[in-house]
Amino acid sequence: MPRNGEHTGVEIKISFDQQVTRALDELGLDGHGEPRRIGFLEDTTVGVALPLFHQGIVLRVRQNDDDADDTTVKLRPCRQSQLAGNWLGAEEGDGWKLTVEQDWAGSRRALAASCGSKLPKERIAAVLEGSEPTHRLFSQGQARFLADCAGTPINLDALTLLPTDNRNPVEEGSRGERAGRRRRALDHR
């Protein structure tokens, strides 16, 4: 989102399921992006299908082979009025960075607010194996952002870190595709 009338650039993401090689060729990409594993956290309470996702709350972790691991709390769609207190206009704090941007997909337009943090290596693996509680995936700033702006209370330790997905950034899917993968992951539990 422009701050003080300044545009900081445009990021274009392309999602595709078929003909990956052809798409990479057409885009002039060699297909050798940075390997990473992506996972999502969700409330897996029986009888309630993807409640965070349906409330526009995305909790994502990424294990990066060549860089620090990271975690993101994303609200999409997000209203400007949802950014309570000092969050509207905030950019970064102690261990977190806030990005407010417009996401466009076809005719859909949505404001998205993302609060990201770096993670120590092996933290995600420790949560997956059960030796660390889930809340340790998020910085205090991210937990504060979630509490202040999500519009619903969330107990991070009651969430499930769904299995990570090995992928290349040029193959990262759309929100709908991710929801489908998450649904399949939940169906197999």
Protein backbone atom coordinates (compact mmCIF):
# COMPACT_ATOMS: atom_id res chain seq x y z
CA MET A 1 0.00 0.00 0.00
CA PRO A 2 1.44 3.40 -0.86
CA ARG A 3 2.73 5.32 2.15
CA ASN A 4 2.64 9.11 1.92
CA GLY A 5 1.61 8.81 -1.74
CA GLU A 6 4.74 6.86 -2.68
CA HIS A 7 4.48 3.65 -4.68
CA THR A 8 7.17 1.19 -3.69
CA GLY A 9 6.82 -1.24 -6.60
CA VAL A 10 4.75 -4.10 -7.92
CA GLU A 11 5.14 -7.81 -7.26
CA ILE A 12 3.52 -10.20 -9.67
CA LYS A 13 2.79 -13.78 -8.63
CA ILE A 14 1.67 -16.36 -11.14
CA SER A 15 -0.11 -19.55 -10.16
CA PHE A 16 -0.36 -22.59 -12.39
CA ASP A 17 -0.96 -26.29 -11.93
CA GLN A 18 -0.17 -27.74 -15.35
CA GLN A 19 2.58 -27.28 -17.92
CA VAL A 20 5.16 -25.96 -15.45
CA THR A 21 8.06 -26.39 -17.88
CA ARG A 22 6.26 -24.48 -20.63
CA ALA A 23 5.31 -21.66 -18.23
CA LEU A 24 8.92 -21.33 -17.01
CA ASP A 25 10.13 -21.20 -20.62
CA GLU A 26 7.52 -18.57 -21.59
CA LEU A 27 8.51 -16.45 -18.59
CA GLY A 28 12.22 -16.84 -19.29
CA LEU A 29 12.88 -18.53 -15.93
CA ASP A 30 15.29 -21.40 -15.40
CA GLY A 31 13.23 -23.04 -12.64
CA HIS A 32 16.08 -22.91 -10.13
CA GLY A 33 14.55 -20.71 -7.47
CA GLU A 34 15.35 -20.95 -3.78
CA PRO A 35 14.10 -24.27 -2.37
CA ARG A 36 11.72 -23.89 0.57
CA ARG A 37 9.11 -25.78 2.51
CA ILE A 38 5.87 -23.99 3.28
CA GLY A 39 3.41 -24.87 6.02
CA PHE A 40 0.26 -23.37 7.47
CA LEU A 41 -1.29 -23.38 10.91
CA GLU A 42 -4.99 -23.99 11.34
CA ASP A 43 -7.54 -24.86 14.02
CA THR A 44 -8.29 -28.53 13.32
CA THR A 45 -11.26 -28.79 15.68
CA VAL A 46 -13.54 -31.56 14.41
CA GLY A 47 -16.67 -30.22 12.72
CA VAL A 48 -15.21 -26.78 11.95
CA ALA A 49 -13.59 -26.59 8.51
CA LEU A 50 -10.64 -24.17 8.28
CA PRO A 51 -12.01 -21.48 10.61
CA LEU A 52 -8.94 -19.21 10.41
CA PHE A 53 -8.82 -19.41 6.62
CA HIS A 54 -12.53 -18.53 6.40
CA GLN A 55 -11.96 -15.52 8.68
CA GLY A 56 -9.20 -14.23 6.41
CA ILE A 57 -6.38 -15.21 8.78
CA VAL A 58 -3.36 -16.95 7.26
CA LEU A 59 -0.56 -18.21 9.52
CA ARG A 60 2.36 -19.37 7.35
CA VAL A 61 5.83 -20.78 8.06
CA ARG A 62 8.64 -21.18 5.53
CA GLN A 63 11.76 -23.26 5.90
CA ASN A 64 14.32 -21.76 3.52
CA ASP A 65 17.38 -23.78 2.53
CA ASP A 66 19.58 -20.77 1.71
CA ASP A 67 18.17 -18.14 4.06
CA ALA A 68 16.64 -17.72 7.52
CA ASP A 69 13.31 -19.45 8.15
CA ASP A 70 10.37 -17.09 8.55
CA THR A 71 6.79 -16.87 9.65
CA THR A 72 3.93 -14.62 8.54
CA VAL A 73 0.64 -13.56 10.07
CA LYS A 74 -1.53 -12.32 7.20
CA LEU A 75 -4.99 -10.77 7.30
CA ARG A 76 -6.68 -10.96 3.90
CA PRO A 77 -8.99 -9.33 3.26
CA CYS A 78 -8.08 -6.65 5.76
CA ARG A 79 -9.86 -3.36 6.35
CA GLN A 80 -7.80 -0.27 7.18
CA SER A 81 -10.06 0.18 10.22
CA GLN A 82 -8.96 -3.31 11.37
CA LEU A 83 -5.40 -2.05 11.87
CA ALA A 84 -5.93 -0.99 15.45
CA GLY A 85 -3.77 1.29 17.57
CA ASN A 86 -0.34 2.01 16.18
CA TRP A 87 -0.50 -0.66 13.45
CA LEU A 88 -1.86 1.68 10.76
CA GLY A 89 1.27 3.29 9.40
CA ALA A 90 3.66 0.99 11.27
CA GLU A 91 6.44 -0.58 9.21
CA GLU A 92 8.70 -2.53 11.55
CA GLY A 93 9.50 -3.15 15.17
CA ASP A 94 11.49 -5.44 17.40
CA GLY A 95 11.88 -8.53 15.21
CA TRP A 96 8.90 -7.94 12.92
CA LYS A 97 8.08 -6.16 9.68
CA LEU A 98 4.58 -5.07 8.61
CA THR A 99 3.54 -4.92 4.96
CA VAL A 100 0.18 -3.56 3.84
CA GLU A 101 -0.57 -4.14 0.18
CA GLN A 102 -3.30 -4.72 -2.33
CA ASP A 103 -3.71 -8.29 -3.62
CA TRP A 104 -5.29 -8.57 -7.06
CA ALA A 105 -6.46 -11.87 -8.51
CA GLY A 106 -8.56 -11.55 -11.63
CA SER A 107 -11.43 -9.22 -10.77
CA ARG A 108 -10.93 -9.68 -6.99
CA ARG A 109 -9.19 -6.88 -5.12
CA ALA A 110 -8.33 -7.12 -1.44
CA LEU A 111 -6.22 -5.24 1.05
CA ALA A 112 -3.77 -7.55 2.86
CA ALA A 113 -1.73 -6.84 5.98
CA SER A 114 1.21 -9.15 6.74
CA CYS A 115 3.37 -9.17 9.84
CA GLY A 116 6.53 -11.20 9.22
CA SER A 117 9.43 -12.35 11.39
CA LYS A 118 12.59 -14.37 10.93
CA LEU A 119 12.92 -17.64 12.85
CA PRO A 120 15.94 -19.48 14.17
CA LYS A 121 16.81 -22.54 12.09
CA GLU A 122 15.25 -25.76 13.38
CA ARG A 123 12.38 -23.95 15.22
CA ILE A 124 9.79 -25.19 12.71
CA ALA A 125 11.15 -28.74 12.92
CA ALA A 126 11.03 -28.54 16.73
CA VAL A 127 7.34 -27.55 16.65
CA LEU A 128 6.56 -30.31 14.16
CA GLU A 129 8.21 -32.92 16.40
CA GLY A 130 6.47 -31.52 19.51
CA SER A 131 9.52 -30.34 21.45
CA GLU A 132 8.49 -26.65 21.15
CA PRO A 133 4.99 -25.14 21.61
CA THR A 134 3.33 -23.66 18.55
CA HIS A 135 3.38 -20.08 19.87
CA ARG A 136 7.21 -20.14 19.58
CA LEU A 137 6.81 -19.85 15.80
CA PHE A 138 5.70 -16.23 16.22
CA SER A 139 7.43 -13.16 17.61
CA GLN A 140 5.84 -11.12 20.38
CA GLY A 141 5.11 -8.44 17.78
CA GLN A 142 3.27 -10.92 15.57
CA ALA A 143 1.24 -12.20 18.51
CA ARG A 144 0.36 -8.59 19.40
CA PHE A 145 -0.62 -7.88 15.74
CA LEU A 146 -2.87 -10.95 15.75
CA ALA A 147 -4.48 -10.00 19.09
CA ASP A 148 -4.94 -6.34 18.11
CA CYS A 149 -6.12 -6.74 14.51
CA ALA A 150 -7.53 -10.22 13.75
CA GLY A 151 -10.91 -9.48 15.33
CA THR A 152 -11.11 -12.83 17.08
CA PRO A 153 -9.14 -14.38 19.94
CA ILE A 154 -6.67 -17.07 18.85
CA ASN A 155 -4.78 -19.44 21.13
CA LEU A 156 -1.64 -20.14 19.09
CA ASP A 157 -0.83 -23.25 21.13
CA ALA A 158 -4.21 -24.79 20.21
CA LEU A 159 -3.38 -24.67 16.49
CA THR A 160 -1.92 -27.43 14.36
CA LEU A 161 1.10 -26.89 12.13
CA LEU A 162 0.07 -28.78 9.03
CA PRO A 163 2.81 -30.68 7.22
CA THR A 164 5.15 -28.48 5.20
CA ASP A 165 5.00 -28.54 1.43
CA ASN A 166 8.29 -28.72 -0.53
CA ARG A 167 8.21 -26.18 -3.32
CA ASN A 168 10.02 -23.67 -5.41
CA PRO A 169 8.85 -20.03 -5.12
CA VAL A 170 7.86 -19.88 -8.79
CA GLU A 171 5.43 -22.70 -8.07
CA GLU A 172 3.79 -21.10 -5.02
CA GLY A 173 0.03 -21.48 -5.46
CA SER A 174 -2.87 -19.13 -5.00
CA ARG A 175 -4.85 -18.88 -1.78
CA GLY A 176 -7.57 -21.13 -3.19
CA GLU A 177 -5.03 -23.79 -4.17
CA ARG A 178 -3.42 -23.58 -0.72
CA ALA A 179 -6.84 -23.98 0.90
CA GLY A 180 -7.40 -27.09 -1.21
CA ARG A 181 -4.07 -28.53 -0.07
CA ARG A 182 -4.88 -27.68 3.54
CA ARG A 183 -8.28 -29.33 3.23
CA ARG A 184 -6.63 -32.46 1.84
CA ALA A 185 -4.07 -32.41 4.67
CA LEU A 186 -6.88 -32.19 7.22
CA ASP A 187 -8.83 -34.97 5.51
CA HIS A 188 -5.83 -37.29 5.90
CA ARG A 189 -5.40 -36.70 9.67
